[in-house]
Amino acid sequence: MAVEVTAIWNDFHKELKAFILNKTRNPDDAADILQEVFIKIIRNIDKVNQAENLRHYLYGIVRNAISD
């Protein structure tokens, strides 16, 4: 599990953080939201692994976290 989450982090964290920062315009909020997103990824890694399009699935998690 850790390897899978680590790979997702390595591949997507900068991209996702930039997207969140673009929407929130607040670096502290962006960091907090990104942390929440990765907690959700860790808790739901089985669902994440079943996603047909990983990038699309991750952005869905991010959009939901921003609206929360």
PDB file of N, CA and C in Angstrom:
ATOM      1  N   MET A   1       0.822  -1.201   0.000  1.00  0.00           N
ATOM      2  CA  MET A   1       0.000   0.000   0.000  1.00  0.00           C
ATOM      3  C   MET A   1       0.858   1.254   0.000  1.00  0.00           C
ATOM      4  N   ALA A   2       1.868   1.328   0.815  1.00  0.00           N
ATOM      5  CA  ALA A   2       2.696   2.528   0.907  1.00  0.00           C
ATOM      6  C   ALA A   2       3.361   2.855  -0.426  1.00  0.00           C
ATOM      7  N   VAL A   3       3.770   1.828  -1.144  1.00  0.00           N
ATOM      8  CA  VAL A   3       4.408   2.057  -2.435  1.00  0.00           C
ATOM      9  C   VAL A   3       3.418   2.679  -3.403  1.00  0.00           C
ATOM     10  N   GLU A   4       2.196   2.221  -3.404  1.00  0.00           N
ATOM     11  CA  GLU A   4       1.192   2.756  -4.307  1.00  0.00           C
ATOM     12  C   GLU A   4       0.899   4.217  -4.002  1.00  0.00           C
ATOM     13  N   VAL A   5       0.724   4.547  -2.735  1.00  0.00           N
ATOM     14  CA  VAL A   5       0.446   5.927  -2.347  1.00  0.00           C
ATOM     15  C   VAL A   5       1.667   6.794  -2.632  1.00  0.00           C
ATOM     16  N   THR A   6       2.842   6.255  -2.383  1.00  0.00           N
ATOM     17  CA  THR A   6       4.071   6.994  -2.662  1.00  0.00           C
ATOM     18  C   THR A   6       4.182   7.304  -4.153  1.00  0.00           C
ATOM     19  N   ALA A   7       3.843   6.353  -4.975  1.00  0.00           N
ATOM     20  CA  ALA A   7       3.887   6.575  -6.424  1.00  0.00           C
ATOM     21  C   ALA A   7       2.889   7.649  -6.841  1.00  0.00           C
ATOM     22  N   ILE A   8       1.702   7.613  -6.267  1.00  0.00           N
ATOM     23  CA  ILE A   8       0.696   8.638  -6.564  1.00  0.00           C
ATOM     24  C   ILE A   8       1.216   9.998  -6.119  1.00  0.00           C
ATOM     25  N   TRP A   9       1.796  10.050  -4.919  1.00  0.00           N
ATOM     26  CA  TRP A   9       2.354  11.310  -4.410  1.00  0.00           C
ATOM     27  C   TRP A   9       3.419  11.837  -5.373  1.00  0.00           C
ATOM     28  N   ASN A  10       4.356  10.970  -5.733  1.00  0.00           N
ATOM     29  CA  ASN A  10       5.455  11.391  -6.603  1.00  0.00           C
ATOM     30  C   ASN A  10       4.964  11.879  -7.963  1.00  0.00           C
ATOM     31  N   ASP A  11       3.943  11.232  -8.478  1.00  0.00           N
ATOM     32  CA  ASP A  11       3.454  11.564  -9.814  1.00  0.00           C
ATOM     33  C   ASP A  11       2.504  12.762  -9.845  1.00  0.00           C
ATOM     34  N   PHE A  12       1.760  12.999  -8.760  1.00  0.00           N
ATOM     35  CA  PHE A  12       0.655  13.951  -8.840  1.00  0.00           C
ATOM     36  C   PHE A  12       0.661  15.091  -7.825  1.00  0.00           C
ATOM     37  N   HIS A  13       1.454  15.041  -6.776  1.00  0.00           N
ATOM     38  CA  HIS A  13       1.264  16.038  -5.716  1.00  0.00           C
ATOM     39  C   HIS A  13       1.506  17.472  -6.178  1.00  0.00           C
ATOM     40  N   LYS A  14       2.501  17.708  -7.003  1.00  0.00           N
ATOM     41  CA  LYS A  14       2.763  19.077  -7.468  1.00  0.00           C
ATOM     42  C   LYS A  14       1.631  19.585  -8.356  1.00  0.00           C
ATOM     43  N   GLU A  15       1.169  18.720  -9.229  1.00  0.00           N
ATOM     44  CA  GLU A  15       0.079  19.070 -10.141  1.00  0.00           C
ATOM     45  C   GLU A  15      -1.210  19.369  -9.363  1.00  0.00           C
ATOM     46  N   LEU A  16      -1.522  18.508  -8.401  1.00  0.00           N
ATOM     47  CA  LEU A  16      -2.738  18.694  -7.617  1.00  0.00           C
ATOM     48  C   LEU A  16      -2.640  19.938  -6.740  1.00  0.00           C
ATOM     49  N   LYS A  17      -1.480  20.161  -6.150  1.00  0.00           N
ATOM     50  CA  LYS A  17      -1.318  21.347  -5.302  1.00  0.00           C
ATOM     51  C   LYS A  17      -1.470  22.617  -6.128  1.00  0.00           C
ATOM     52  N   ALA A  18      -0.914  22.645  -7.321  1.00  0.00           N
ATOM     53  CA  ALA A  18      -1.051  23.814  -8.193  1.00  0.00           C
ATOM     54  C   ALA A  18      -2.520  24.050  -8.553  1.00  0.00           C
ATOM     55  N   PHE A  19      -3.247  22.987  -8.824  1.00  0.00           N
ATOM     56  CA  PHE A  19      -4.677  23.100  -9.135  1.00  0.00           C
ATOM     57  C   PHE A  19      -5.440  23.665  -7.938  1.00  0.00           C
ATOM     58  N   ILE A  20      -5.160  23.128  -6.758  1.00  0.00           N
ATOM     59  CA  ILE A  20      -5.836  23.591  -5.546  1.00  0.00           C
ATOM     60  C   ILE A  20      -5.491  25.049  -5.277  1.00  0.00           C
ATOM     61  N   LEU A  21      -4.221  25.406  -5.405  1.00  0.00           N
ATOM     62  CA  LEU A  21      -3.791  26.786  -5.168  1.00  0.00           C
ATOM     63  C   LEU A  21      -4.451  27.737  -6.154  1.00  0.00           C
ATOM     64  N   ASN A  22      -4.619  27.308  -7.385  1.00  0.00           N
ATOM     65  CA  ASN A  22      -5.296  28.124  -8.385  1.00  0.00           C
ATOM     66  C   ASN A  22      -6.750  28.391  -7.989  1.00  0.00           C
ATOM     67  N   LYS A  23      -7.379  27.410  -7.359  1.00  0.00           N
ATOM     68  CA  LYS A  23      -8.786  27.566  -6.960  1.00  0.00           C
ATOM     69  C   LYS A  23      -8.944  28.333  -5.641  1.00  0.00           C
ATOM     70  N   THR A  24      -8.020  28.132  -4.697  1.00  0.00           N
ATOM     71  CA  THR A  24      -8.177  28.731  -3.373  1.00  0.00           C
ATOM     72  C   THR A  24      -7.443  30.056  -3.219  1.00  0.00           C
ATOM     73  N   ARG A  25      -6.374  30.232  -3.965  1.00  0.00           N
ATOM     74  CA  ARG A  25      -5.530  31.424  -3.883  1.00  0.00           C
ATOM     75  C   ARG A  25      -4.922  31.624  -2.495  1.00  0.00           C
ATOM     76  N   ASN A  26      -4.789  30.525  -1.738  1.00  0.00           N
ATOM     77  CA  ASN A  26      -4.228  30.600  -0.397  1.00  0.00           C
ATOM     78  C   ASN A  26      -3.312  29.396  -0.191  1.00  0.00           C
ATOM     79  N   PRO A  27      -2.003  29.633  -0.061  1.00  0.00           N
ATOM     80  CA  PRO A  27      -1.059  28.514   0.071  1.00  0.00           C
ATOM     81  C   PRO A  27      -1.318  27.621   1.287  1.00  0.00           C
ATOM     82  N   ASP A  28      -1.732  28.212   2.401  1.00  0.00           N
ATOM     83  CA  ASP A  28      -2.008  27.406   3.592  1.00  0.00           C
ATOM     84  C   ASP A  28      -3.221  26.505   3.380  1.00  0.00           C
ATOM     85  N   ASP A  29      -4.275  27.063   2.789  1.00  0.00           N
ATOM     86  CA  ASP A  29      -5.456  26.260   2.498  1.00  0.00           C
ATOM     87  C   ASP A  29      -5.129  25.163   1.489  1.00  0.00           C
ATOM     88  N   ALA A  30      -4.316  25.495   0.502  1.00  0.00           N
ATOM     89  CA  ALA A  30      -3.941  24.509  -0.516  1.00  0.00           C
ATOM     90  C   ALA A  30      -3.194  23.342   0.116  1.00  0.00           C
ATOM     91  N   ALA A  31      -2.286  23.635   1.023  1.00  0.00           N
ATOM     92  CA  ALA A  31      -1.534  22.572   1.699  1.00  0.00           C
ATOM     93  C   ALA A  31      -2.463  21.705   2.545  1.00  0.00           C
ATOM     94  N   ASP A  32      -3.393  22.341   3.252  1.00  0.00           N
ATOM     95  CA  ASP A  32      -4.345  21.595   4.084  1.00  0.00           C
ATOM     96  C   ASP A  32      -5.239  20.694   3.232  1.00  0.00           C
ATOM     97  N   ILE A  33      -5.739  21.239   2.142  1.00  0.00           N
ATOM     98  CA  ILE A  33      -6.617  20.461   1.264  1.00  0.00           C
ATOM     99  C   ILE A  33      -5.855  19.301   0.636  1.00  0.00           C
ATOM    100  N   LEU A  34      -4.626  19.551   0.215  1.00  0.00           N
ATOM    101  CA  LEU A  34      -3.823  18.473  -0.365  1.00  0.00           C
ATOM    102  C   LEU A  34      -3.607  17.361   0.650  1.00  0.00           C
ATOM    103  N   GLN A  35      -3.377  17.741   1.897  1.00  0.00           N
ATOM    104  CA  GLN A  35      -3.219  16.738   2.953  1.00  0.00           C
ATOM    105  C   GLN A  35      -4.504  15.925   3.110  1.00  0.00           C
ATOM    106  N   GLU A  36      -5.648  16.596   3.131  1.00  0.00           N
ATOM    107  CA  GLU A  36      -6.930  15.890   3.237  1.00  0.00           C
ATOM    108  C   GLU A  36      -7.132  14.940   2.063  1.00  0.00           C
ATOM    109  N   VAL A  37      -6.749  15.376   0.873  1.00  0.00           N
ATOM    110  CA  VAL A  37      -6.886  14.548  -0.323  1.00  0.00           C
ATOM    111  C   VAL A  37      -6.074  13.271  -0.176  1.00  0.00           C
ATOM    112  N   PHE A  38      -4.840  13.384   0.285  1.00  0.00           N
ATOM    113  CA  PHE A  38      -4.011  12.192   0.406  1.00  0.00           C
ATOM    114  C   PHE A  38      -4.449  11.299   1.556  1.00  0.00           C
ATOM    115  N   ILE A  39      -5.058  11.855   2.564  1.00  0.00           N
ATOM    116  CA  ILE A  39      -5.649  11.009   3.613  1.00  0.00           C
ATOM    117  C   ILE A  39      -6.789  10.193   3.012  1.00  0.00           C
ATOM    118  N   LYS A  40      -7.607  10.836   2.180  1.00  0.00           N
ATOM    119  CA  LYS A  40      -8.695  10.114   1.509  1.00  0.00           C
ATOM    120  C   LYS A  40      -8.146   9.045   0.570  1.00  0.00           C
ATOM    121  N   ILE A  41      -7.067   9.358  -0.114  1.00  0.00           N
ATOM    122  CA  ILE A  41      -6.451   8.381  -1.019  1.00  0.00           C
ATOM    123  C   ILE A  41      -5.966   7.173  -0.225  1.00  0.00           C
ATOM    124  N   ILE A  42      -5.299   7.420   0.883  1.00  0.00           N
ATOM    125  CA  ILE A  42      -4.790   6.332   1.714  1.00  0.00           C
ATOM    126  C   ILE A  42      -5.936   5.469   2.230  1.00  0.00           C
ATOM    127  N   ARG A  43      -6.991   6.103   2.699  1.00  0.00           N
ATOM    128  CA  ARG A  43      -8.130   5.359   3.260  1.00  0.00           C
ATOM    129  C   ARG A  43      -8.885   4.573   2.198  1.00  0.00           C
ATOM    130  N   ASN A  44      -8.835   5.041   0.970  1.00  0.00           N
ATOM    131  CA  ASN A  44      -9.615   4.417  -0.112  1.00  0.00           C
ATOM    132  C   ASN A  44      -8.723   3.908  -1.233  1.00  0.00           C
ATOM    133  N   ILE A  45      -7.545   3.428  -0.900  1.00  0.00           N
ATOM    134  CA  ILE A  45      -6.586   3.013  -1.921  1.00  0.00           C
ATOM    135  C   ILE A  45      -7.141   1.908  -2.819  1.00  0.00           C
ATOM    136  N   ASP A  46      -7.994   1.058  -2.288  1.00  0.00           N
ATOM    137  CA  ASP A  46      -8.583   0.006  -3.128  1.00  0.00           C
ATOM    138  C   ASP A  46      -9.443   0.611  -4.236  1.00  0.00           C
ATOM    139  N   LYS A  47     -10.254   1.610  -3.903  1.00  0.00           N
ATOM    140  CA  LYS A  47     -11.082   2.278  -4.909  1.00  0.00           C
ATOM    141  C   LYS A  47     -10.219   3.048  -5.895  1.00  0.00           C
ATOM    142  N   VAL A  48      -9.178   3.684  -5.382  1.00  0.00           N
ATOM    143  CA  VAL A  48      -8.266   4.436  -6.246  1.00  0.00           C
ATOM    144  C   VAL A  48      -7.625   3.495  -7.262  1.00  0.00           C
ATOM    145  N   ASN A  49      -7.200   2.337  -6.813  1.00  0.00           N
ATOM    146  CA  ASN A  49      -6.564   1.370  -7.710  1.00  0.00           C
ATOM    147  C   ASN A  49      -7.526   0.823  -8.757  1.00  0.00           C
ATOM    148  N   GLN A  50      -8.818   0.852  -8.475  1.00  0.00           N
ATOM    149  CA  GLN A  50      -9.814   0.351  -9.425  1.00  0.00           C
ATOM    150  C   GLN A  50     -10.251   1.410 -10.444  1.00  0.00           C
ATOM    151  N   ALA A  51      -9.843   2.634 -10.234  1.00  0.00           N
ATOM    152  CA  ALA A  51     -10.252   3.720 -11.129  1.00  0.00           C
ATOM    153  C   ALA A  51      -9.712   3.478 -12.533  1.00  0.00           C
ATOM    154  N   GLU A  52     -10.559   3.702 -13.516  1.00  0.00           N
ATOM    155  CA  GLU A  52     -10.140   3.526 -14.906  1.00  0.00           C
ATOM    156  C   GLU A  52      -9.155   4.612 -15.321  1.00  0.00           C
ATOM    157  N   ASN A  53      -9.402   5.832 -14.879  1.00  0.00           N
ATOM    158  CA  ASN A  53      -8.526   6.954 -15.201  1.00  0.00           C
ATOM    159  C   ASN A  53      -8.090   7.584 -13.883  1.00  0.00           C
ATOM    160  N   LEU A  54      -6.877   7.299 -13.464  1.00  0.00           N
ATOM    161  CA  LEU A  54      -6.397   7.733 -12.156  1.00  0.00           C
ATOM    162  C   LEU A  54      -6.413   9.251 -12.023  1.00  0.00           C
ATOM    163  N   ARG A  55      -5.928   9.956 -13.023  1.00  0.00           N
ATOM    164  CA  ARG A  55      -5.892  11.428 -12.960  1.00  0.00           C
ATOM    165  C   ARG A  55      -7.302  11.993 -12.775  1.00  0.00           C
ATOM    166  N   HIS A  56      -8.243  11.501 -13.539  1.00  0.00           N
ATOM    167  CA  HIS A  56      -9.626  11.961 -13.442  1.00  0.00           C
ATOM    168  C   HIS A  56     -10.192  11.677 -12.046  1.00  0.00           C
ATOM    169  N   TYR A  57      -9.913  10.505 -11.525  1.00  0.00           N
ATOM    170  CA  TYR A  57     -10.400  10.114 -10.200  1.00  0.00           C
ATOM    171  C   TYR A  57      -9.805  11.028  -9.125  1.00  0.00           C
ATOM    172  N   LEU A  58      -8.508  11.299  -9.221  1.00  0.00           N
ATOM    173  CA  LEU A  58      -7.856  12.160  -8.235  1.00  0.00           C
ATOM    174  C   LEU A  58      -8.412  13.576  -8.280  1.00  0.00           C
ATOM    175  N   TYR A  59      -8.643  14.093  -9.463  1.00  0.00           N
ATOM    176  CA  TYR A  59      -9.201  15.439  -9.580  1.00  0.00           C
ATOM    177  C   TYR A  59     -10.625  15.487  -9.022  1.00  0.00           C
ATOM    178  N   GLY A  60     -11.360  14.406  -9.131  1.00  0.00           N
ATOM    179  CA  GLY A  60     -12.682  14.348  -8.510  1.00  0.00           C
ATOM    180  C   GLY A  60     -12.571  14.459  -6.994  1.00  0.00           C
ATOM    181  N   ILE A  61     -11.619  13.759  -6.413  1.00  0.00           N
ATOM    182  CA  ILE A  61     -11.392  13.851  -4.972  1.00  0.00           C
ATOM    183  C   ILE A  61     -11.015  15.284  -4.600  1.00  0.00           C
ATOM    184  N   VAL A  62     -10.141  15.891  -5.389  1.00  0.00           N
ATOM    185  CA  VAL A  62      -9.688  17.253  -5.121  1.00  0.00           C
ATOM    186  C   VAL A  62     -10.848  18.246  -5.202  1.00  0.00           C
ATOM    187  N   ARG A  63     -11.656  18.137  -6.241  1.00  0.00           N
ATOM    188  CA  ARG A  63     -12.796  19.057  -6.383  1.00  0.00           C
ATOM    189  C   ARG A  63     -13.760  18.928  -5.215  1.00  0.00           C
ATOM    190  N   ASN A  64     -14.005  17.700  -4.770  1.00  0.00           N
ATOM    191  CA  ASN A  64     -14.874  17.507  -3.614  1.00  0.00           C
ATOM    192  C   ASN A  64     -14.247  18.098  -2.346  1.00  0.00           C
ATOM    193  N   ALA A  65     -12.960  17.924  -2.174  1.00  0.00           N
ATOM    194  CA  ALA A  65     -12.280  18.458  -0.992  1.00  0.00           C
ATOM    195  C   ALA A  65     -12.295  19.990  -0.996  1.00  0.00           C
ATOM    196  N   ILE A  66     -12.149  20.597  -2.147  1.00  0.00           N
ATOM    197  CA  ILE A  66     -12.195  22.066  -2.236  1.00  0.00           C
ATOM    198  C   ILE A  66     -13.580  22.582  -1.865  1.00  0.00           C
ATOM    199  N   SER A  67     -14.605  21.906  -2.335  1.00  0.00           N
ATOM    200  CA  SER A  67     -15.976  22.365  -2.054  1.00  0.00           C
ATOM    201  C   SER A  67     -16.373  22.107  -0.601  1.00  0.00           C
ATOM    202  N   ASP A  68     -15.727  21.142   0.039  1.00  0.00           N
ATOM    203  CA  ASP A  68     -16.004  20.881   1.462  1.00  0.00           C
ATOM    204  C   ASP A  68     -15.399  21.998   2.286  1.00  0.00           C
TER     205      ASP A  68
END
